[in-house]
Amino acid sequence: VFNQLSHDLGGFREKIEKGAFHESLENPKHDVAALFNHDPNLILGRKSAKTLEMREDQKGLAVTIDPPDN
């Protein structure tokens, strides 16, 4: 969610501003992957494969994933 402080992340908090994702969303060279538990071996979706769709809406980053069957 844009412009709201996160919960405590171990002694610090973060705030994401609207537009923070613009470069990653617009640059075709940035191949973003959605991972399960941050594991690069467990890819749920990928921008280049068109199985991961991301866009900024009024609230924050909206994500749609078409995960693999297995």
PDB file of N, CA and C in Angstrom:
ATOM      1  N   VAL A   1       0.856  -1.175   0.000  1.00  0.00           N
ATOM      2  CA  VAL A   1       0.000   0.000   0.000  1.00  0.00           C
ATOM      3  C   VAL A   1       0.899   1.233   0.000  1.00  0.00           C
ATOM      4  N   PHE A   2       0.601   2.158  -0.914  1.00  0.00           N
ATOM      5  CA  PHE A   2       1.408   3.365  -1.021  1.00  0.00           C
ATOM      6  C   PHE A   2       1.232   4.281   0.190  1.00  0.00           C
ATOM      7  N   ASN A   3       2.312   4.981   0.521  1.00  0.00           N
ATOM      8  CA  ASN A   3       2.316   6.074   1.498  1.00  0.00           C
ATOM      9  C   ASN A   3       1.837   5.675   2.886  1.00  0.00           C
ATOM     10  N   GLN A   4       2.083   4.434   3.280  1.00  0.00           N
ATOM     11  CA  GLN A   4       1.789   3.986   4.639  1.00  0.00           C
ATOM     12  C   GLN A   4       3.015   3.269   5.179  1.00  0.00           C
ATOM     13  N   LEU A   5       3.320   3.513   6.436  1.00  0.00           N
ATOM     14  CA  LEU A   5       4.453   2.828   7.048  1.00  0.00           C
ATOM     15  C   LEU A   5       4.147   1.346   7.226  1.00  0.00           C
ATOM     16  N   SER A   6       5.133   0.524   6.948  1.00  0.00           N
ATOM     17  CA  SER A   6       4.999  -0.918   7.154  1.00  0.00           C
ATOM     18  C   SER A   6       5.000  -1.216   8.648  1.00  0.00           C
ATOM     19  N   HIS A   7       4.752  -2.469   8.978  1.00  0.00           N
ATOM     20  CA  HIS A   7       4.937  -2.900  10.360  1.00  0.00           C
ATOM     21  C   HIS A   7       6.442  -2.923  10.656  1.00  0.00           C
ATOM     22  N   ASP A   8       6.806  -3.124  11.887  1.00  0.00           N
ATOM     23  CA  ASP A   8       8.217  -3.162  12.276  1.00  0.00           C
ATOM     24  C   ASP A   8       8.911  -4.321  11.564  1.00  0.00           C
ATOM     25  N   LEU A   9       9.960  -4.006  10.840  1.00  0.00           N
ATOM     26  CA  LEU A   9      10.706  -5.003  10.071  1.00  0.00           C
ATOM     27  C   LEU A   9      12.044  -5.321  10.730  1.00  0.00           C
ATOM     28  N   GLY A  10      12.049  -5.373  12.046  1.00  0.00           N
ATOM     29  CA  GLY A  10      13.280  -5.676  12.772  1.00  0.00           C
ATOM     30  C   GLY A  10      14.057  -4.426  13.131  1.00  0.00           C
ATOM     31  N   GLY A  11      13.363  -3.412  13.586  1.00  0.00           N
ATOM     32  CA  GLY A  11      14.014  -2.172  13.999  1.00  0.00           C
ATOM     33  C   GLY A  11      13.891  -1.048  12.987  1.00  0.00           C
ATOM     34  N   PHE A  12      13.215  -1.292  11.884  1.00  0.00           N
ATOM     35  CA  PHE A  12      12.974  -0.230  10.905  1.00  0.00           C
ATOM     36  C   PHE A  12      11.629  -0.468  10.229  1.00  0.00           C
ATOM     37  N   ARG A  13      11.132   0.595   9.605  1.00  0.00           N
ATOM     38  CA  ARG A  13       9.874   0.524   8.868  1.00  0.00           C
ATOM     39  C   ARG A  13      10.087   1.135   7.491  1.00  0.00           C
ATOM     40  N   GLU A  14       9.266   0.739   6.538  1.00  0.00           N
ATOM     41  CA  GLU A  14       9.393   1.256   5.176  1.00  0.00           C
ATOM     42  C   GLU A  14       8.092   1.915   4.737  1.00  0.00           C
ATOM     43  N   LYS A  15       8.231   2.865   3.814  1.00  0.00           N
ATOM     44  CA  LYS A  15       7.079   3.482   3.173  1.00  0.00           C
ATOM     45  C   LYS A  15       7.356   3.498   1.669  1.00  0.00           C
ATOM     46  N   ILE A  16       6.430   3.000   0.885  1.00  0.00           N
ATOM     47  CA  ILE A  16       6.586   2.954  -0.568  1.00  0.00           C
ATOM     48  C   ILE A  16       5.760   4.077  -1.177  1.00  0.00           C
ATOM     49  N   GLU A  17       6.418   4.898  -1.991  1.00  0.00           N
ATOM     50  CA  GLU A  17       5.737   6.016  -2.627  1.00  0.00           C
ATOM     51  C   GLU A  17       5.169   5.597  -3.973  1.00  0.00           C
ATOM     52  N   LYS A  18       4.067   6.235  -4.359  1.00  0.00           N
ATOM     53  CA  LYS A  18       3.480   5.986  -5.670  1.00  0.00           C
ATOM     54  C   LYS A  18       4.529   6.282  -6.736  1.00  0.00           C
ATOM     55  N   GLY A  19       4.647   5.416  -7.716  1.00  0.00           N
ATOM     56  CA  GLY A  19       5.638   5.569  -8.773  1.00  0.00           C
ATOM     57  C   GLY A  19       6.913   4.792  -8.517  1.00  0.00           C
ATOM     58  N   ALA A  20       7.039   4.186  -7.339  1.00  0.00           N
ATOM     59  CA  ALA A  20       8.269   3.464  -6.985  1.00  0.00           C
ATOM     60  C   ALA A  20       8.534   2.275  -7.909  1.00  0.00           C
ATOM     61  N   PHE A  21       7.495   1.738  -8.522  1.00  0.00           N
ATOM     62  CA  PHE A  21       7.647   0.556  -9.370  1.00  0.00           C
ATOM     63  C   PHE A  21       7.728   0.894 -10.850  1.00  0.00           C
ATOM     64  N   HIS A  22       7.638   2.159 -11.184  1.00  0.00           N
ATOM     65  CA  HIS A  22       7.513   2.589 -12.578  1.00  0.00           C
ATOM     66  C   HIS A  22       8.597   2.001 -13.487  1.00  0.00           C
ATOM     67  N   GLU A  23       9.857   2.122 -13.108  1.00  0.00           N
ATOM     68  CA  GLU A  23      10.948   1.652 -13.973  1.00  0.00           C
ATOM     69  C   GLU A  23      10.874   0.147 -14.208  1.00  0.00           C
ATOM     70  N   SER A  24      10.634  -0.613 -13.161  1.00  0.00           N
ATOM     71  CA  SER A  24      10.545  -2.072 -13.310  1.00  0.00           C
ATOM     72  C   SER A  24       9.347  -2.487 -14.151  1.00  0.00           C
ATOM     73  N   LEU A  25       8.266  -1.744 -14.053  1.00  0.00           N
ATOM     74  CA  LEU A  25       7.072  -2.079 -14.816  1.00  0.00           C
ATOM     75  C   LEU A  25       7.211  -1.726 -16.290  1.00  0.00           C
ATOM     76  N   GLU A  26       7.889  -0.628 -16.582  1.00  0.00           N
ATOM     77  CA  GLU A  26       7.950  -0.122 -17.954  1.00  0.00           C
ATOM     78  C   GLU A  26       9.151  -0.614 -18.753  1.00  0.00           C
ATOM     79  N   ASN A  27      10.233  -0.978 -18.102  1.00  0.00           N
ATOM     80  CA  ASN A  27      11.451  -1.356 -18.808  1.00  0.00           C
ATOM     81  C   ASN A  27      11.393  -2.832 -19.213  1.00  0.00           C
ATOM     82  N   PRO A  28      11.370  -3.122 -20.528  1.00  0.00           N
ATOM     83  CA  PRO A  28      11.291  -4.523 -20.957  1.00  0.00           C
ATOM     84  C   PRO A  28      12.532  -5.343 -20.596  1.00  0.00           C
ATOM     85  N   LYS A  29      13.627  -4.691 -20.261  1.00  0.00           N
ATOM     86  CA  LYS A  29      14.844  -5.406 -19.861  1.00  0.00           C
ATOM     87  C   LYS A  29      14.757  -5.932 -18.431  1.00  0.00           C
ATOM     88  N   HIS A  30      13.812  -5.436 -17.649  1.00  0.00           N
ATOM     89  CA  HIS A  30      13.652  -5.877 -16.265  1.00  0.00           C
ATOM     90  C   HIS A  30      12.694  -7.063 -16.230  1.00  0.00           C
ATOM     91  N   ASP A  31      13.240  -8.258 -16.160  1.00  0.00           N
ATOM     92  CA  ASP A  31      12.429  -9.468 -16.101  1.00  0.00           C
ATOM     93  C   ASP A  31      12.174  -9.806 -14.637  1.00  0.00           C
ATOM     94  N   VAL A  32      10.988  -9.497 -14.171  1.00  0.00           N
ATOM     95  CA  VAL A  32      10.622  -9.707 -12.773  1.00  0.00           C
ATOM     96  C   VAL A  32      10.037 -11.109 -12.624  1.00  0.00           C
ATOM     97  N   ALA A  33      10.404 -11.790 -11.540  1.00  0.00           N
ATOM     98  CA  ALA A  33       9.863 -13.121 -11.249  1.00  0.00           C
ATOM     99  C   ALA A  33       9.167 -13.093  -9.896  1.00  0.00           C
ATOM    100  N   ALA A  34       8.025 -13.770  -9.805  1.00  0.00           N
ATOM    101  CA  ALA A  34       7.329 -13.978  -8.536  1.00  0.00           C
ATOM    102  C   ALA A  34       7.780 -15.331  -8.009  1.00  0.00           C
ATOM    103  N   LEU A  35       8.342 -15.343  -6.811  1.00  0.00           N
ATOM    104  CA  LEU A  35       8.925 -16.561  -6.241  1.00  0.00           C
ATOM    105  C   LEU A  35       8.141 -17.028  -5.021  1.00  0.00           C
ATOM    106  N   PHE A  36       8.123 -18.322  -4.786  1.00  0.00           N
ATOM    107  CA  PHE A  36       7.542 -18.881  -3.577  1.00  0.00           C
ATOM    108  C   PHE A  36       8.609 -18.887  -2.492  1.00  0.00           C
ATOM    109  N   ASN A  37       8.333 -18.241  -1.370  1.00  0.00           N
ATOM    110  CA  ASN A  37       9.266 -18.152  -0.240  1.00  0.00           C
ATOM    111  C   ASN A  37      10.646 -17.627  -0.643  1.00  0.00           C
ATOM    112  N   HIS A  38      10.696 -16.712  -1.595  1.00  0.00           N
ATOM    113  CA  HIS A  38      11.952 -16.096  -2.062  1.00  0.00           C
ATOM    114  C   HIS A  38      12.924 -17.108  -2.667  1.00  0.00           C
ATOM    115  N   ASP A  39      12.440 -18.283  -3.042  1.00  0.00           N
ATOM    116  CA  ASP A  39      13.299 -19.339  -3.587  1.00  0.00           C
ATOM    117  C   ASP A  39      13.339 -19.231  -5.115  1.00  0.00           C
ATOM    118  N   PRO A  40      14.505 -18.924  -5.705  1.00  0.00           N
ATOM    119  CA  PRO A  40      14.590 -18.777  -7.163  1.00  0.00           C
ATOM    120  C   PRO A  40      14.333 -20.076  -7.928  1.00  0.00           C
ATOM    121  N   ASN A  41      14.291 -21.197  -7.229  1.00  0.00           N
ATOM    122  CA  ASN A  41      13.959 -22.473  -7.867  1.00  0.00           C
ATOM    123  C   ASN A  41      12.454 -22.717  -7.934  1.00  0.00           C
ATOM    124  N   LEU A  42      11.685 -21.886  -7.221  1.00  0.00           N
ATOM    125  CA  LEU A  42      10.229 -22.055  -7.154  1.00  0.00           C
ATOM    126  C   LEU A  42       9.544 -20.826  -7.748  1.00  0.00           C
ATOM    127  N   ILE A  43       9.554 -20.741  -9.067  1.00  0.00           N
ATOM    128  CA  ILE A  43       9.013 -19.583  -9.777  1.00  0.00           C
ATOM    129  C   ILE A  43       7.510 -19.763  -9.980  1.00  0.00           C
ATOM    130  N   LEU A  44       6.740 -18.796  -9.487  1.00  0.00           N
ATOM    131  CA  LEU A  44       5.289 -18.819  -9.651  1.00  0.00           C
ATOM    132  C   LEU A  44       4.855 -18.155 -10.950  1.00  0.00           C
ATOM    133  N   GLY A  45       5.584 -17.138 -11.355  1.00  0.00           N
ATOM    134  CA  GLY A  45       5.271 -16.416 -12.579  1.00  0.00           C
ATOM    135  C   GLY A  45       6.433 -15.530 -12.956  1.00  0.00           C
ATOM    136  N   ARG A  46       6.499 -15.176 -14.233  1.00  0.00           N
ATOM    137  CA  ARG A  46       7.600 -14.342 -14.713  1.00  0.00           C
ATOM    138  C   ARG A  46       7.057 -13.367 -15.757  1.00  0.00           C
ATOM    139  N   LYS A  47       7.536 -12.126 -15.657  1.00  0.00           N
ATOM    140  CA  LYS A  47       7.097 -11.078 -16.580  1.00  0.00           C
ATOM    141  C   LYS A  47       7.357 -11.469 -18.030  1.00  0.00           C
ATOM    142  N   SER A  48       8.554 -11.964 -18.337  1.00  0.00           N
ATOM    143  CA  SER A  48       8.913 -12.307 -19.721  1.00  0.00           C
ATOM    144  C   SER A  48       8.085 -13.466 -20.273  1.00  0.00           C
ATOM    145  N   ALA A  49       7.588 -14.335 -19.407  1.00  0.00           N
ATOM    146  CA  ALA A  49       6.761 -15.465 -19.834  1.00  0.00           C
ATOM    147  C   ALA A  49       5.277 -15.096 -19.880  1.00  0.00           C
ATOM    148  N   LYS A  50       4.986 -13.856 -19.501  1.00  0.00           N
ATOM    149  CA  LYS A  50       3.606 -13.359 -19.461  1.00  0.00           C
ATOM    150  C   LYS A  50       2.726 -14.157 -18.492  1.00  0.00           C
ATOM    151  N   THR A  51       3.344 -14.728 -17.459  1.00  0.00           N
ATOM    152  CA  THR A  51       2.602 -15.410 -16.406  1.00  0.00           C
ATOM    153  C   THR A  51       2.554 -14.565 -15.136  1.00  0.00           C
ATOM    154  N   LEU A  52       3.141 -13.373 -15.209  1.00  0.00           N
ATOM    155  CA  LEU A  52       3.125 -12.408 -14.113  1.00  0.00           C
ATOM    156  C   LEU A  52       2.753 -11.054 -14.695  1.00  0.00           C
ATOM    157  N   GLU A  53       1.659 -10.488 -14.195  1.00  0.00           N
ATOM    158  CA  GLU A  53       1.225  -9.159 -14.616  1.00  0.00           C
ATOM    159  C   GLU A  53       1.246  -8.245 -13.398  1.00  0.00           C
ATOM    160  N   MET A  54       1.856  -7.078 -13.552  1.00  0.00           N
ATOM    161  CA  MET A  54       1.943  -6.113 -12.456  1.00  0.00           C
ATOM    162  C   MET A  54       1.528  -4.747 -12.975  1.00  0.00           C
ATOM    163  N   ARG A  55       0.839  -3.997 -12.125  1.00  0.00           N
ATOM    164  CA  ARG A  55       0.471  -2.629 -12.468  1.00  0.00           C
ATOM    165  C   ARG A  55       0.260  -1.846 -11.185  1.00  0.00           C
ATOM    166  N   GLU A  56       0.519  -0.568 -11.260  1.00  0.00           N
ATOM    167  CA  GLU A  56       0.218   0.301 -10.126  1.00  0.00           C
ATOM    168  C   GLU A  56      -1.231   0.735 -10.235  1.00  0.00           C
ATOM    169  N   ASP A  57      -1.958   0.622  -9.129  1.00  0.00           N
ATOM    170  CA  ASP A  57      -3.293   1.193  -9.068  1.00  0.00           C
ATOM    171  C   ASP A  57      -3.281   2.278  -8.000  1.00  0.00           C
ATOM    172  N   GLN A  58      -4.410   2.746  -7.584  1.00  0.00           N
ATOM    173  CA  GLN A  58      -4.464   3.840  -6.606  1.00  0.00           C
ATOM    174  C   GLN A  58      -3.931   3.421  -5.235  1.00  0.00           C
ATOM    175  N   LYS A  59      -4.019   2.134  -4.897  1.00  0.00           N
ATOM    176  CA  LYS A  59      -3.607   1.657  -3.579  1.00  0.00           C
ATOM    177  C   LYS A  59      -2.155   1.224  -3.510  1.00  0.00           C
ATOM    178  N   GLY A  60      -1.658   0.609  -4.588  1.00  0.00           N
ATOM    179  CA  GLY A  60      -0.301   0.070  -4.550  1.00  0.00           C
ATOM    180  C   GLY A  60      -0.009  -0.752  -5.780  1.00  0.00           C
ATOM    181  N   LEU A  61       0.771  -1.793  -5.614  1.00  0.00           N
ATOM    182  CA  LEU A  61       1.133  -2.675  -6.715  1.00  0.00           C
ATOM    183  C   LEU A  61       0.115  -3.814  -6.787  1.00  0.00           C
ATOM    184  N   ALA A  62      -0.592  -3.892  -7.912  1.00  0.00           N
ATOM    185  CA  ALA A  62      -1.550  -4.976  -8.142  1.00  0.00           C
ATOM    186  C   ALA A  62      -0.840  -6.056  -8.950  1.00  0.00           C
ATOM    187  N   VAL A  63      -0.982  -7.300  -8.529  1.00  0.00           N
ATOM    188  CA  VAL A  63      -0.259  -8.411  -9.150  1.00  0.00           C
ATOM    189  C   VAL A  63      -1.242  -9.529  -9.499  1.00  0.00           C
ATOM    190  N   THR A  64      -1.090 -10.070 -10.709  1.00  0.00           N
ATOM    191  CA  THR A  64      -1.836 -11.254 -11.139  1.00  0.00           C
ATOM    192  C   THR A  64      -0.819 -12.286 -11.603  1.00  0.00           C
ATOM    193  N   ILE A  65      -0.942 -13.501 -11.081  1.00  0.00           N
ATOM    194  CA  ILE A  65      -0.011 -14.580 -11.423  1.00  0.00           C
ATOM    195  C   ILE A  65      -0.806 -15.754 -11.993  1.00  0.00           C
ATOM    196  N   ASP A  66      -0.306 -16.322 -13.085  1.00  0.00           N
ATOM    197  CA  ASP A  66      -0.839 -17.554 -13.652  1.00  0.00           C
ATOM    198  C   ASP A  66       0.188 -18.645 -13.343  1.00  0.00           C
ATOM    199  N   PRO A  67       0.077 -19.286 -12.164  1.00  0.00           N
ATOM    200  CA  PRO A  67       1.122 -20.224 -11.728  1.00  0.00           C
ATOM    201  C   PRO A  67       1.131 -21.512 -12.544  1.00  0.00           C
ATOM    202  N   PRO A  68       2.258 -22.229 -12.509  1.00  0.00           N
ATOM    203  CA  PRO A  68       2.341 -23.515 -13.209  1.00  0.00           C
ATOM    204  C   PRO A  68       1.416 -24.542 -12.559  1.00  0.00           C
ATOM    205  N   ASP A  69       1.069 -25.564 -13.311  1.00  0.00           N
ATOM    206  CA  ASP A  69       0.172 -26.609 -12.806  1.00  0.00           C
ATOM    207  C   ASP A  69       0.825 -27.512 -11.768  1.00  0.00           C
ATOM    208  N   ASN A  70       2.144 -27.662 -11.823  1.00  0.00           N
ATOM    209  CA  ASN A  70       2.812 -28.579 -10.890  1.00  0.00           C
ATOM    210  C   ASN A  70       3.305 -27.898  -9.659  1.00  0.00           C
TER     211      ASN A  70
END
